[in-house]
Protein backbone atom coordinates (compact mmCIF):
# COMPACT_ATOMS: atom_id res chain seq x y z
CA MET A 1 -34.44 -4.28 -12.74
CA ASP A 2 -33.57 -7.73 -10.61
CA THR A 3 -33.46 -7.43 -6.72
CA LEU A 4 -32.71 -9.59 -3.84
CA THR A 5 -34.70 -9.14 -0.63
CA VAL A 6 -33.26 -10.65 2.38
CA ARG A 7 -34.13 -10.44 5.88
CA ALA A 8 -32.15 -8.57 7.94
CA LEU A 9 -31.27 -6.27 11.19
CA GLU A 10 -30.43 -2.54 10.72
CA THR A 11 -27.95 -0.71 13.28
CA HIS A 12 -26.57 2.79 13.52
CA GLN A 13 -23.13 2.94 15.27
CA MET A 14 -22.98 7.03 15.84
CA ASN A 15 -24.27 8.41 12.24
CA GLN A 16 -23.11 4.92 10.42
CA THR A 17 -25.83 2.38 9.20
CA ILE A 18 -24.91 -1.38 9.26
CA TYR A 19 -26.95 -4.42 8.47
CA SER A 20 -26.50 -7.82 9.32
CA PHE A 21 -28.08 -10.80 7.23
CA PHE A 22 -27.49 -14.32 5.95
CA ILE A 23 -27.50 -14.93 2.06
CA PRO A 24 -26.51 -18.31 0.19
CA ALA A 25 -23.17 -18.47 -1.06
CA LYS A 26 -24.36 -18.83 -4.31
CA ASP A 27 -25.56 -15.05 -4.25
CA ILE A 28 -22.90 -12.99 -2.91
CA LEU A 29 -21.41 -12.21 -6.25
CA GLU A 30 -24.73 -11.61 -7.49
CA PHE A 31 -24.55 -8.04 -5.91
CA ALA A 32 -21.10 -7.78 -4.40
CA ASP A 33 -17.97 -7.00 -6.44
CA ILE A 34 -14.40 -7.49 -5.75
CA SER A 35 -12.80 -4.16 -6.60
CA ARG A 36 -9.08 -5.17 -7.68
CA ILE A 37 -6.57 -2.60 -6.86
CA HIS A 38 -5.20 -0.93 -10.28
CA ARG A 39 -4.12 2.16 -12.10
CA ASP A 40 -5.93 3.64 -14.94
CA GLU A 41 -4.40 5.26 -18.03
CA GLU A 42 -3.78 8.51 -15.83
CA GLY A 43 -2.02 6.63 -13.02
CA ASN A 44 -5.15 7.42 -10.80
CA LEU A 45 -5.60 4.25 -8.17
CA HIS A 46 -8.54 2.54 -8.44
CA GLY A 47 -10.06 -0.61 -6.27
CA LEU A 48 -8.43 -1.97 -3.06
CA GLN A 49 -8.33 -5.57 -3.27
CA ARG A 50 -5.19 -7.72 -4.26
CA LYS A 51 -5.33 -10.43 -6.97
CA GLU A 52 -6.33 -13.67 -5.46
CA VAL A 53 -4.52 -16.27 -3.68
CA LYS A 54 -5.03 -19.49 -5.08
CA LYS A 55 -3.78 -21.61 -2.67
CA HIS A 56 -5.70 -19.92 0.17
CA VAL A 57 -8.91 -19.95 -1.91
CA SER A 58 -7.83 -23.63 -2.64
CA ASP A 59 -7.62 -24.54 1.19
CA ILE A 60 -10.87 -22.77 2.04
CA LEU A 61 -12.75 -24.74 -0.55
CA GLU A 62 -11.29 -27.78 0.37
CA TYR A 63 -13.20 -27.47 3.87
CA LEU A 64 -16.09 -26.11 2.56
CA ASN A 65 -16.50 -29.41 0.30
CA SER A 66 -16.01 -31.48 3.45
CA ASP A 67 -19.07 -33.03 5.37
CA ASN A 68 -19.13 -30.74 8.60
CA VAL A 69 -19.06 -27.37 7.83
CA LEU A 70 -19.22 -24.55 10.16
CA PHE A 71 -18.78 -20.75 8.84
CA PRO A 72 -19.60 -18.31 11.30
CA ASN A 73 -17.11 -15.85 9.63
CA SER A 74 -18.96 -12.83 8.17
CA ILE A 75 -18.09 -11.49 4.83
CA LEU A 76 -17.88 -7.51 5.39
CA LEU A 77 -19.13 -5.28 2.58
CA ALA A 78 -19.24 -1.74 1.70
CA ILE A 79 -22.95 -1.02 0.24
CA THR A 80 -24.34 2.22 -1.50
CA ASP A 81 -27.61 3.41 -0.26
CA GLU A 82 -29.06 2.10 -3.51
CA VAL A 83 -30.13 -0.66 -1.14
CA LYS A 84 -33.59 -0.37 0.57
CA PHE A 85 -34.65 -1.22 4.04
CA THR A 86 -38.27 -1.95 5.27
CA LYS A 87 -39.15 -2.02 8.90
CA ALA A 88 -41.06 -5.26 9.93
CA ARG A 89 -44.11 -4.62 11.60
CA GLY A 90 -45.08 -5.48 14.68
CA THR A 91 -43.63 -4.57 18.29
CA LYS A 92 -40.19 -4.05 18.84
CA LEU A 93 -38.95 -5.56 21.75
CA LYS A 94 -37.96 -3.47 24.82
CA SER A 95 -34.95 -5.38 25.24
CA ASP A 96 -33.51 -4.73 22.12
CA LYS A 97 -32.71 -1.21 21.94
CA TYR A 98 -29.71 -1.71 19.22
CA SER A 99 -31.12 -3.08 16.31
CA MET A 100 -34.51 -3.35 14.04
CA SER A 101 -35.62 -6.23 12.10
CA GLY A 102 -36.91 -5.90 8.57
CA THR A 103 -36.18 -6.65 4.87
CA LEU A 104 -33.46 -5.23 2.87
CA THR A 105 -33.69 -4.97 -0.97
CA ILE A 106 -30.46 -5.14 -2.93
CA PRO A 107 -30.59 -4.49 -6.91
CA ILE A 108 -28.72 -6.90 -8.83
CA LYS A 109 -26.57 -5.20 -11.59
CA GLY A 110 -23.71 -6.67 -14.09
CA GLU A 111 -20.12 -6.58 -13.18
CA GLY A 112 -18.54 -2.93 -11.91
CA PHE A 113 -21.87 -1.49 -11.59
CA ARG A 114 -23.02 -3.83 -8.62
CA PRO A 115 -23.95 -1.96 -5.58
CA ALA A 116 -21.47 -3.48 -2.75
CA TRP A 117 -18.02 -4.31 -2.48
CA ILE A 118 -16.33 -6.84 -0.67
CA VAL A 119 -13.92 -5.36 2.01
CA ASP A 120 -13.10 -8.20 3.82
CA GLY A 121 -13.43 -11.86 3.03
CA GLN A 122 -12.61 -11.88 -0.75
CA GLN A 123 -10.87 -15.23 -0.81
CA ARG A 124 -13.65 -16.84 1.29
CA VAL A 125 -16.29 -15.24 -1.23
CA LEU A 126 -14.06 -16.91 -4.21
CA ALA A 127 -14.33 -20.06 -2.60
CA LEU A 128 -17.67 -19.83 -1.57
CA ASP A 129 -18.63 -19.21 -5.36
CA LYS A 130 -17.01 -22.36 -6.50
CA CYS A 131 -18.39 -24.55 -3.38
CA ASN A 132 -20.77 -27.77 -3.88
CA LYS A 133 -23.00 -26.04 -0.97
CA PRO A 134 -24.29 -23.15 -3.43
CA GLU A 135 -27.06 -22.62 -0.72
CA LEU A 136 -25.07 -22.46 2.38
CA PRO A 137 -26.10 -19.34 4.48
CA VAL A 138 -23.43 -16.82 4.98
CA PRO A 139 -23.19 -14.34 7.35
CA VAL A 140 -22.96 -10.92 6.13
CA ILE A 141 -22.10 -7.44 7.57
CA ALA A 142 -22.79 -4.48 5.44
CA PHE A 143 -22.20 -0.87 6.09
CA ILE A 144 -23.58 2.04 3.86
CA THR A 145 -21.35 4.38 2.27
CA ASN A 146 -20.89 5.76 -1.22
CA ASP A 147 -17.52 7.03 -0.04
CA LEU A 148 -14.64 5.39 -1.46
CA GLU A 149 -11.85 6.78 0.95
CA MET A 150 -14.35 5.07 4.09
CA GLN A 151 -13.83 1.93 2.16
CA ARG A 152 -10.15 2.02 1.89
CA GLU A 153 -9.94 3.32 5.69
CA GLN A 154 -12.22 0.04 6.61
CA PHE A 155 -10.17 -2.28 4.67
CA ILE A 156 -7.03 -1.14 6.04
CA ARG A 157 -8.30 -1.25 9.68
CA VAL A 158 -9.77 -4.75 9.39
CA ASN A 159 -6.47 -6.03 7.42
CA LYS A 160 -3.98 -4.61 9.52
CA THR A 161 -3.29 -7.62 11.57
CA LYS A 162 -3.18 -10.39 8.59
CA PRO A 163 -0.43 -11.15 6.36
CA LEU A 164 -1.47 -8.52 3.58
CA PRO A 165 1.57 -7.28 1.72
CA LYS A 166 2.72 -3.82 3.24
CA GLY A 167 3.10 -2.62 -0.64
CA LEU A 168 -0.73 -2.85 -0.96
CA ILE A 169 -1.60 -0.80 2.51
CA ASP A 170 1.10 1.72 1.58
CA GLU A 171 -0.55 2.36 -1.50
CA LEU A 172 -3.93 2.81 -0.13
CA LEU A 173 -2.62 4.86 3.10
CA PRO A 174 -2.13 8.39 0.97
CA THR A 175 -6.09 7.90 0.00
CA VAL A 176 -7.42 7.87 3.52
CA HIS A 177 -7.31 11.19 5.48
CA SER A 178 -8.95 9.86 8.89
CA ILE A 179 -7.04 9.05 12.46
CA LEU A 180 -5.26 5.83 11.90
CA PRO A 181 -3.16 3.46 14.39
CA ALA A 182 0.22 5.06 15.10
CA ASP A 183 1.90 2.10 13.27
CA LEU A 184 -0.05 2.96 9.71
CA ASP A 185 0.11 6.93 10.27
CA SER A 186 3.90 6.60 10.44
CA ARG A 187 3.87 4.96 6.94
CA ARG A 188 1.28 7.31 5.38
CA ILE A 189 3.39 10.35 4.22
CA PRO A 190 6.34 7.90 2.94
CA SER A 191 3.74 6.08 1.34
CA ARG A 192 2.39 9.67 -0.47
CA ILE A 193 5.98 10.61 -1.24
CA THR A 194 6.72 7.13 -2.93
CA GLU A 195 3.56 8.00 -5.00
CA TYR A 196 5.08 10.95 -6.68
CA LEU A 197 8.50 9.47 -7.07
CA ASN A 198 6.89 6.39 -8.98
CA PHE A 199 4.33 7.99 -11.29
CA ASP A 200 5.80 11.57 -11.84
CA PRO A 201 7.40 11.55 -14.99
CA LYS A 202 10.16 13.99 -13.55
CA SER A 203 11.07 11.75 -10.56
CA PRO A 204 14.58 9.54 -11.33
CA PHE A 205 12.43 6.85 -10.03
CA TYR A 206 10.00 7.05 -12.51
CA GLY A 207 8.26 3.51 -13.22
CA MET A 208 11.23 1.81 -11.01
CA ILE A 209 9.22 1.27 -8.18
CA GLU A 210 7.24 -2.07 -7.51
CA LYS A 211 3.48 -1.36 -6.91
CA VAL A 212 0.55 -3.54 -6.34
CA SER A 213 -1.64 -1.69 -8.50
CA THR A 214 0.65 -2.64 -11.96
CA GLN A 215 1.51 -5.67 -10.99
CA ASN A 216 -0.49 -7.16 -14.15
CA ASP A 217 0.86 -4.10 -16.35
CA GLU A 218 3.43 -5.94 -18.89
CA SER A 219 4.39 -2.32 -19.82
CA VAL A 220 5.89 -1.58 -15.94
CA LYS A 221 9.16 -3.23 -15.46
CA PRO A 222 9.90 -2.31 -11.70
CA ILE A 223 13.39 -3.05 -10.26
CA ILE A 224 13.57 -1.26 -6.77
CA ALA A 225 11.29 -3.12 -3.96
CA HIS A 226 8.59 -0.74 -2.62
CA ASN A 227 9.95 -0.93 1.19
CA SER A 228 13.39 -0.14 0.50
CA ILE A 229 11.99 3.37 -0.74
CA ILE A 230 9.62 3.43 2.36
CA ASN A 231 12.32 2.87 4.56
CA ILE A 232 14.92 5.40 3.31
CA LEU A 233 11.78 8.17 3.63
CA LYS A 234 11.05 6.74 7.21
CA ASN A 235 14.33 6.97 8.41
CA SER A 236 15.22 10.43 7.07
CA ILE A 237 11.63 11.91 8.15
CA ASN A 238 11.35 10.39 11.70
CA SER A 239 15.31 11.14 12.55
CA THR A 240 16.18 14.95 14.08
CA SER A 241 19.05 14.44 11.95
CA GLY A 242 17.12 13.44 8.67
CA CYS A 243 17.33 16.01 5.68
CA LEU A 244 13.33 15.62 5.28
CA PHE A 245 12.74 15.96 9.13
CA PRO A 246 12.42 19.66 9.01
CA TYR A 247 9.30 19.52 6.24
CA VAL A 248 7.40 17.06 8.25
CA GLN A 249 4.02 18.77 9.81
CA ILE A 250 5.73 21.73 10.57
CA ASN A 251 4.36 22.92 13.81
CA GLY A 252 1.62 20.68 13.86
CA GLY A 253 0.46 21.73 10.56
CA GLU A 254 0.86 20.50 6.80
CA THR A 255 3.85 18.77 5.41
CA ASP A 256 5.99 20.49 3.01
CA TYR A 257 5.72 17.77 -0.05
CA GLN A 258 6.97 20.20 -2.36
CA SER A 259 10.30 20.76 -0.53
CA ILE A 260 10.86 17.36 0.06
CA LEU A 261 10.11 16.08 -3.34
CA LYS A 262 12.90 19.20 -4.56
CA ILE A 263 15.56 17.65 -2.35
CA ILE A 264 14.89 13.89 -3.23
CA TYR A 265 14.70 14.58 -6.73
CA ALA A 266 18.21 16.26 -6.88
CA TYR A 267 19.83 14.08 -4.78
CA TRP A 268 18.65 11.07 -6.55
CA GLY A 269 18.67 13.02 -9.91
CA CYS A 270 22.62 13.46 -9.34
CA ILE A 271 22.86 9.83 -8.19
CA LYS A 272 21.37 8.69 -11.39
CA LYS A 273 23.88 11.00 -13.36
CA VAL A 274 26.94 10.24 -11.81
CA PHE A 275 26.28 6.44 -11.15
CA HIS A 276 24.80 5.95 -14.72
CA GLU A 277 26.55 2.87 -15.36
CA ASP A 278 24.84 1.39 -12.41
CA TRP A 279 21.59 3.00 -12.52
CA GLY A 280 18.33 1.21 -13.58
CA LYS A 281 19.82 -1.96 -13.71
CA ALA A 282 18.26 -5.08 -11.88
CA PRO A 283 19.61 -5.79 -8.25
CA ASN A 284 21.57 -8.88 -9.58
CA GLN A 285 23.59 -6.71 -11.93
CA SER A 286 23.90 -3.72 -9.87
CA ARG A 287 24.00 -3.40 -6.02
CA LEU A 288 23.12 0.21 -5.96
CA MET A 289 19.61 -0.65 -6.93
CA HIS A 290 19.59 -3.51 -4.43
CA GLY A 291 18.04 -3.04 -1.15
CA THR A 292 21.53 -2.78 0.43
CA GLY A 293 22.48 -0.43 -1.78
CA MET A 294 19.42 1.56 -1.70
CA PHE A 295 19.68 1.64 1.98
CA ALA A 296 22.85 3.29 2.10
CA ILE A 297 22.91 5.67 -0.47
CA GLY A 298 19.36 6.76 1.32
CA ALA A 299 21.49 7.32 4.65
CA LEU A 300 24.17 9.46 2.76
CA MET A 301 21.69 11.35 1.63
CA ASP A 302 20.97 13.01 4.98
CA ASN A 303 24.61 13.74 5.02
CA ILE A 304 24.73 15.51 1.95
CA MET A 305 21.57 17.24 1.91
CA LYS A 306 21.49 18.32 5.31
CA ASN A 307 20.44 22.04 5.98
CA VAL A 308 20.13 22.82 2.23
CA ASP A 309 17.41 25.22 0.57
CA PRO A 310 15.59 22.94 -1.64
CA ASN A 311 15.08 26.39 -3.71
CA ASP A 312 19.16 26.87 -4.53
CA GLN A 313 19.67 26.68 -7.92
CA LYS A 314 23.09 25.51 -7.31
CA ILE A 315 22.26 22.29 -5.05
CA GLU A 316 22.64 19.86 -7.96
CA ALA A 317 26.24 21.12 -9.17
CA ARG A 318 27.29 20.89 -5.71
CA VAL A 319 25.82 17.24 -5.10
CA THR A 320 27.16 16.31 -8.35
CA LYS A 321 30.74 17.61 -7.27
CA GLU A 322 30.53 15.64 -4.18
CA LEU A 323 29.38 12.16 -5.52
CA THR A 324 31.80 12.55 -8.31
CA LYS A 325 34.65 12.52 -5.66
CA LEU A 326 33.03 9.61 -3.72
CA LYS A 327 32.46 7.53 -7.28
CA PRO A 328 35.87 5.82 -7.43
CA HIS A 329 35.50 4.21 -4.36
CA CYS A 330 31.93 2.42 -5.27
CA LYS A 331 32.02 -0.80 -6.64
CA TRP A 332 28.14 -1.17 -7.73
CA SER A 333 28.81 -3.72 -10.76
CA SER A 334 32.06 -4.82 -10.75
CA GLY A 335 35.19 -5.07 -8.64
CA ILE A 336 35.89 -5.27 -5.10
CA TRP A 337 35.14 -2.91 -2.18
CA GLU A 338 38.65 -2.97 -0.47
CA GLU A 339 38.14 -1.84 2.61
CA LEU A 340 35.08 -4.20 3.13
CA GLY A 341 36.77 -7.33 1.69
CA LEU A 342 33.76 -7.98 -0.11
CA GLU A 343 33.31 -8.24 -4.12
CA TRP A 344 30.40 -6.24 -5.85
CA LYS A 345 28.24 -9.07 -5.97
CA ASP A 346 28.75 -10.46 -2.37
CA ILE A 347 26.82 -7.74 -0.77
CA GLN A 348 23.92 -9.24 0.45
CA ASN A 349 20.18 -7.57 1.93
CA THR A 350 21.07 -8.21 5.50
CA SER A 351 21.33 -5.59 8.49
CA GLN A 352 24.97 -6.49 9.40
CA HIS A 353 25.78 -5.55 5.19
CA LYS A 354 23.62 -2.45 5.45
CA LYS A 355 25.35 -1.16 8.66
CA LEU A 356 28.90 -1.67 6.78
CA LEU A 357 28.18 -0.40 3.37
CA THR A 358 26.48 2.76 5.06
CA ALA A 359 29.05 3.85 7.50
CA TYR A 360 31.78 2.96 4.60
CA LEU A 361 29.70 5.77 2.24
CA ILE A 362 29.73 8.29 5.01
CA ARG A 363 33.12 7.45 5.81
CA ARG A 364 34.57 8.13 2.50
CA PHE A 365 32.40 10.97 2.15
CA THR A 366 33.88 12.80 5.07
CA LYS A 367 37.39 12.41 3.78
CA GLU A 368 36.61 13.36 0.42
CA LEU A 369 35.12 16.54 1.56
């Protein structure tokens, strides 16, 4: 088996082994894979990286091909314990109590079987692979792990402040169980619920929510923005008046996902049935599937489903009856929202229209009780 041997420093942080070394630009993709986020035939999530951003790669490549290049930005890798570190002979410096010098031997394998994955720097690596300086020494930091969850956790933490699509982070969050910053942790439960909503065949949202992992799947044609569902769930989960609030981390314990899904499936299943002429259309054909429509109907869920028993067999009949009374006042695909003075297609995805439509639906629902 072919191997690559480089001089490296070995460091330990708590129980984690980390290596730092330099490697020619041309060699990085010889032993490190770019693991694209995708779904297998069973719907299981694999990988962690978004697709190539060609403009970003082109900008980096233009710089790398210029005359005076300084490239101190390290590539972060997750690497398996297949690598072997050999301590250098000689006296260790007393002043250096943190690291040990030696050589790192890395096996070279085919794509998909390589011992390392790029956690941070995929766009830089793609540019380095194409640049006119194949021998340019590139700094690399690699941490040892065979655990996919740790790879994803580090990816999320490293990219937290970067302009990555929220949908990508949200798809990875349910697979990470360690402590995360508060802003990320607040999205973890809604993200996990969204996984059920999009991939469970019994869900009224089955296959309808945009997901980064299915962007290249031509058989999937989502029509609902991922963030629209996340916001509905966050609002209901985080507000004491939300219908999902009582089921989240009860007494500091586990979240009752089963009850949450029963409530969501019942309510949105009734929305799908009552507004069947408007359901499943593209947002430009039905404002029900539009960001503002979803927001308003989501807010109405907290009013209709407040204090319901998730196991009550009569929930759907009651919700259907109440939504049927509301239906004549809704103009999702044609007509004019008379009280708002807006034609159906004039509803825009703005905070003002979200407030107007939400207040109108709740007001009409209250009158119809």
